[in-house]
């Protein structure tokens, strides 16, 4: 999952070298945190959060195939 989120985030931003993705496992839930440059935050979130919602939907679908629960946090 971490690699999937990283590829998507790097494709969206102007400074892909500033993208940092971390993964924490908390019980049955995996939390993926995405850190981007301050100027790229809007590109990852999108208007009214549409891009962030789309990223979460893709990750949720991939996680469902593996019978896991994944939460994506964008900071």
N, C-alpha and C. Protein backbone atom coordinates (compact mmCIF):
# COMPACT_ATOMS: atom_id res chain seq x y z
N UNK A 1 0.82 -1.20 0.00
CA UNK A 1 0.00 0.00 0.00
C UNK A 1 0.87 1.26 0.00
N UNK A 2 1.93 1.22 0.78
CA UNK A 2 2.80 2.39 0.91
C UNK A 2 3.34 2.80 -0.46
N UNK A 3 3.76 1.83 -1.25
CA UNK A 3 4.33 2.12 -2.56
C UNK A 3 3.27 2.72 -3.49
N UNK A 4 2.05 2.23 -3.42
CA UNK A 4 0.96 2.74 -4.23
C UNK A 4 0.70 4.22 -3.94
N UNK A 5 0.61 4.56 -2.67
CA UNK A 5 0.37 5.95 -2.27
C UNK A 5 1.54 6.83 -2.68
N UNK A 6 2.75 6.31 -2.53
CA UNK A 6 3.94 7.09 -2.88
C UNK A 6 3.98 7.41 -4.37
N UNK A 7 3.66 6.45 -5.21
CA UNK A 7 3.66 6.66 -6.66
C UNK A 7 2.60 7.69 -7.05
N UNK A 8 1.42 7.59 -6.47
CA UNK A 8 0.35 8.53 -6.78
C UNK A 8 0.73 9.95 -6.33
N UNK A 9 1.24 10.08 -5.11
CA UNK A 9 1.59 11.40 -4.58
C UNK A 9 2.71 12.04 -5.38
N UNK A 10 3.72 11.28 -5.74
CA UNK A 10 4.85 11.84 -6.50
C UNK A 10 4.42 12.28 -7.89
N UNK A 11 3.43 11.63 -8.46
CA UNK A 11 2.94 12.01 -9.78
C UNK A 11 2.16 13.33 -9.73
N UNK A 12 1.62 13.68 -8.59
CA UNK A 12 0.79 14.88 -8.47
C UNK A 12 1.56 16.16 -8.16
N UNK A 13 2.69 16.05 -7.50
CA UNK A 13 3.36 17.23 -6.96
C UNK A 13 4.46 17.77 -7.88
N UNK A 14 4.89 19.02 -7.60
CA UNK A 14 5.99 19.63 -8.34
C UNK A 14 7.35 19.21 -7.78
N UNK A 15 7.38 18.88 -6.50
CA UNK A 15 8.64 18.48 -5.85
C UNK A 15 8.53 17.03 -5.33
N UNK A 16 8.67 16.06 -6.23
CA UNK A 16 8.50 14.66 -5.81
C UNK A 16 9.54 14.18 -4.80
N UNK A 17 10.71 14.82 -4.76
CA UNK A 17 11.74 14.42 -3.80
C UNK A 17 11.37 14.79 -2.37
N UNK A 18 10.38 15.67 -2.18
CA UNK A 18 9.94 16.09 -0.85
C UNK A 18 8.81 15.20 -0.30
N UNK A 19 8.34 14.25 -1.10
CA UNK A 19 7.25 13.37 -0.67
C UNK A 19 7.82 12.29 0.25
N UNK A 20 7.24 12.19 1.45
CA UNK A 20 7.65 11.16 2.41
C UNK A 20 6.39 10.40 2.83
N UNK A 21 6.43 9.09 2.65
CA UNK A 21 5.29 8.25 3.01
C UNK A 21 5.74 7.28 4.10
N UNK A 22 5.00 7.28 5.22
CA UNK A 22 5.31 6.36 6.31
C UNK A 22 4.11 5.46 6.56
N UNK A 23 4.39 4.29 7.06
CA UNK A 23 3.34 3.29 7.29
C UNK A 23 3.45 2.77 8.72
N UNK A 24 2.32 2.81 9.45
CA UNK A 24 2.27 2.30 10.82
C UNK A 24 1.16 1.26 10.90
N UNK A 25 1.46 0.15 11.53
CA UNK A 25 0.44 -0.88 11.73
C UNK A 25 -0.05 -0.79 13.16
N UNK A 26 -1.35 -0.58 13.32
CA UNK A 26 -1.97 -0.48 14.64
C UNK A 26 -3.09 -1.52 14.71
N UNK A 27 -2.74 -2.69 15.21
CA UNK A 27 -3.72 -3.76 15.26
C UNK A 27 -4.04 -4.26 13.86
N UNK A 28 -5.32 -4.23 13.50
CA UNK A 28 -5.72 -4.66 12.16
C UNK A 28 -5.74 -3.51 11.16
N UNK A 29 -5.47 -2.30 11.65
CA UNK A 29 -5.52 -1.12 10.80
C UNK A 29 -4.10 -0.64 10.47
N UNK A 30 -3.89 -0.28 9.22
CA UNK A 30 -2.64 0.29 8.78
C UNK A 30 -2.87 1.76 8.49
N UNK A 31 -2.03 2.62 9.08
CA UNK A 31 -2.13 4.07 8.85
C UNK A 31 -0.98 4.49 7.95
N UNK A 32 -1.32 5.10 6.82
CA UNK A 32 -0.32 5.59 5.88
C UNK A 32 -0.34 7.11 5.95
N UNK A 33 0.80 7.70 6.31
CA UNK A 33 0.91 9.15 6.41
C UNK A 33 1.71 9.66 5.22
N UNK A 34 1.17 10.68 4.56
CA UNK A 34 1.82 11.28 3.40
C UNK A 34 2.22 12.71 3.77
N UNK A 35 3.51 13.01 3.68
CA UNK A 35 4.03 14.35 3.94
C UNK A 35 4.53 14.92 2.63
N UNK A 36 4.04 16.11 2.27
CA UNK A 36 4.47 16.76 1.03
C UNK A 36 4.95 18.18 1.36
N UNK A 37 5.60 18.82 0.39
CA UNK A 37 6.05 20.20 0.56
C UNK A 37 4.83 21.10 0.74
N UNK A 38 5.04 22.20 1.45
CA UNK A 38 3.94 23.12 1.76
C UNK A 38 3.23 23.61 0.50
N UNK A 39 3.98 23.90 -0.54
CA UNK A 39 3.40 24.40 -1.78
C UNK A 39 2.63 23.35 -2.57
N UNK A 40 2.89 22.09 -2.31
CA UNK A 40 2.23 21.00 -3.03
C UNK A 40 1.00 20.45 -2.31
N UNK A 41 0.72 20.96 -1.14
CA UNK A 41 -0.40 20.44 -0.34
C UNK A 41 -1.72 20.53 -1.11
N UNK A 42 -1.96 21.64 -1.76
CA UNK A 42 -3.20 21.82 -2.50
C UNK A 42 -3.34 20.86 -3.66
N UNK A 43 -2.23 20.48 -4.26
CA UNK A 43 -2.28 19.56 -5.39
C UNK A 43 -2.65 18.15 -4.95
N UNK A 44 -2.25 17.78 -3.76
CA UNK A 44 -2.55 16.44 -3.25
C UNK A 44 -3.97 16.38 -2.70
N UNK A 45 -4.43 17.48 -2.12
CA UNK A 45 -5.78 17.51 -1.56
C UNK A 45 -6.82 17.77 -2.64
N UNK A 46 -6.57 18.72 -3.51
CA UNK A 46 -7.50 19.03 -4.60
C UNK A 46 -8.65 19.91 -4.13
N UNK A 47 -9.42 20.39 -5.10
CA UNK A 47 -10.57 21.24 -4.78
C UNK A 47 -11.60 20.42 -4.01
N UNK A 48 -12.00 20.95 -2.88
CA UNK A 48 -12.97 20.31 -1.98
C UNK A 48 -12.55 18.89 -1.60
N UNK A 49 -11.24 18.62 -1.62
CA UNK A 49 -10.73 17.32 -1.18
C UNK A 49 -10.97 16.19 -2.15
N UNK A 50 -11.24 16.50 -3.40
CA UNK A 50 -11.58 15.45 -4.37
C UNK A 50 -10.42 14.51 -4.66
N UNK A 51 -9.21 15.05 -4.80
CA UNK A 51 -8.06 14.20 -5.10
C UNK A 51 -7.72 13.33 -3.90
N UNK A 52 -7.77 13.91 -2.71
CA UNK A 52 -7.50 13.13 -1.49
C UNK A 52 -8.53 12.00 -1.35
N UNK A 53 -9.78 12.31 -1.66
CA UNK A 53 -10.83 11.30 -1.58
C UNK A 53 -10.59 10.19 -2.61
N UNK A 54 -10.12 10.57 -3.79
CA UNK A 54 -9.84 9.57 -4.83
C UNK A 54 -8.68 8.67 -4.42
N UNK A 55 -7.64 9.26 -3.82
CA UNK A 55 -6.50 8.46 -3.35
C UNK A 55 -6.98 7.47 -2.29
N UNK A 56 -7.81 7.94 -1.37
CA UNK A 56 -8.32 7.05 -0.31
C UNK A 56 -9.18 5.94 -0.91
N UNK A 57 -9.95 6.24 -1.94
CA UNK A 57 -10.80 5.22 -2.58
C UNK A 57 -9.96 4.14 -3.25
N UNK A 58 -8.90 4.55 -3.94
CA UNK A 58 -8.02 3.58 -4.60
C UNK A 58 -7.34 2.69 -3.57
N UNK A 59 -6.84 3.30 -2.50
CA UNK A 59 -6.16 2.53 -1.45
C UNK A 59 -7.15 1.59 -0.76
N UNK A 60 -8.36 2.07 -0.52
CA UNK A 60 -9.37 1.24 0.14
C UNK A 60 -9.71 0.02 -0.72
N UNK A 61 -9.81 0.22 -2.03
CA UNK A 61 -10.10 -0.90 -2.94
C UNK A 61 -8.95 -1.91 -2.95
N UNK A 62 -7.72 -1.42 -2.97
CA UNK A 62 -6.57 -2.31 -2.95
C UNK A 62 -6.48 -3.05 -1.62
N UNK A 63 -6.82 -2.37 -0.53
CA UNK A 63 -6.78 -3.00 0.80
C UNK A 63 -7.88 -4.05 0.94
N UNK A 64 -9.02 -3.80 0.33
CA UNK A 64 -10.13 -4.75 0.42
C UNK A 64 -9.76 -6.08 -0.25
N UNK A 65 -8.96 -6.01 -1.31
CA UNK A 65 -8.51 -7.23 -1.97
C UNK A 65 -7.68 -8.09 -1.03
N UNK A 66 -6.93 -7.44 -0.17
CA UNK A 66 -6.06 -8.14 0.78
C UNK A 66 -6.71 -8.30 2.15
N UNK A 67 -7.97 -7.94 2.26
CA UNK A 67 -8.74 -8.05 3.50
C UNK A 67 -8.07 -7.29 4.65
N UNK A 68 -7.71 -6.03 4.36
CA UNK A 68 -7.07 -5.17 5.35
C UNK A 68 -7.85 -3.86 5.44
N UNK A 69 -7.59 -3.10 6.50
CA UNK A 69 -8.15 -1.77 6.64
C UNK A 69 -7.00 -0.77 6.63
N UNK A 70 -7.08 0.20 5.72
CA UNK A 70 -6.00 1.17 5.56
C UNK A 70 -6.58 2.57 5.66
N UNK A 71 -5.91 3.43 6.43
CA UNK A 71 -6.30 4.84 6.57
C UNK A 71 -5.17 5.68 5.99
N UNK A 72 -5.52 6.68 5.16
CA UNK A 72 -4.51 7.56 4.56
C UNK A 72 -4.66 8.94 5.19
N UNK A 73 -3.57 9.45 5.79
CA UNK A 73 -3.52 10.79 6.36
C UNK A 73 -2.57 11.63 5.52
N UNK A 74 -3.02 12.81 5.12
CA UNK A 74 -2.19 13.71 4.32
C UNK A 74 -1.81 14.90 5.19
N UNK A 75 -0.49 15.10 5.37
CA UNK A 75 -0.02 16.22 6.19
C UNK A 75 1.03 17.01 5.47
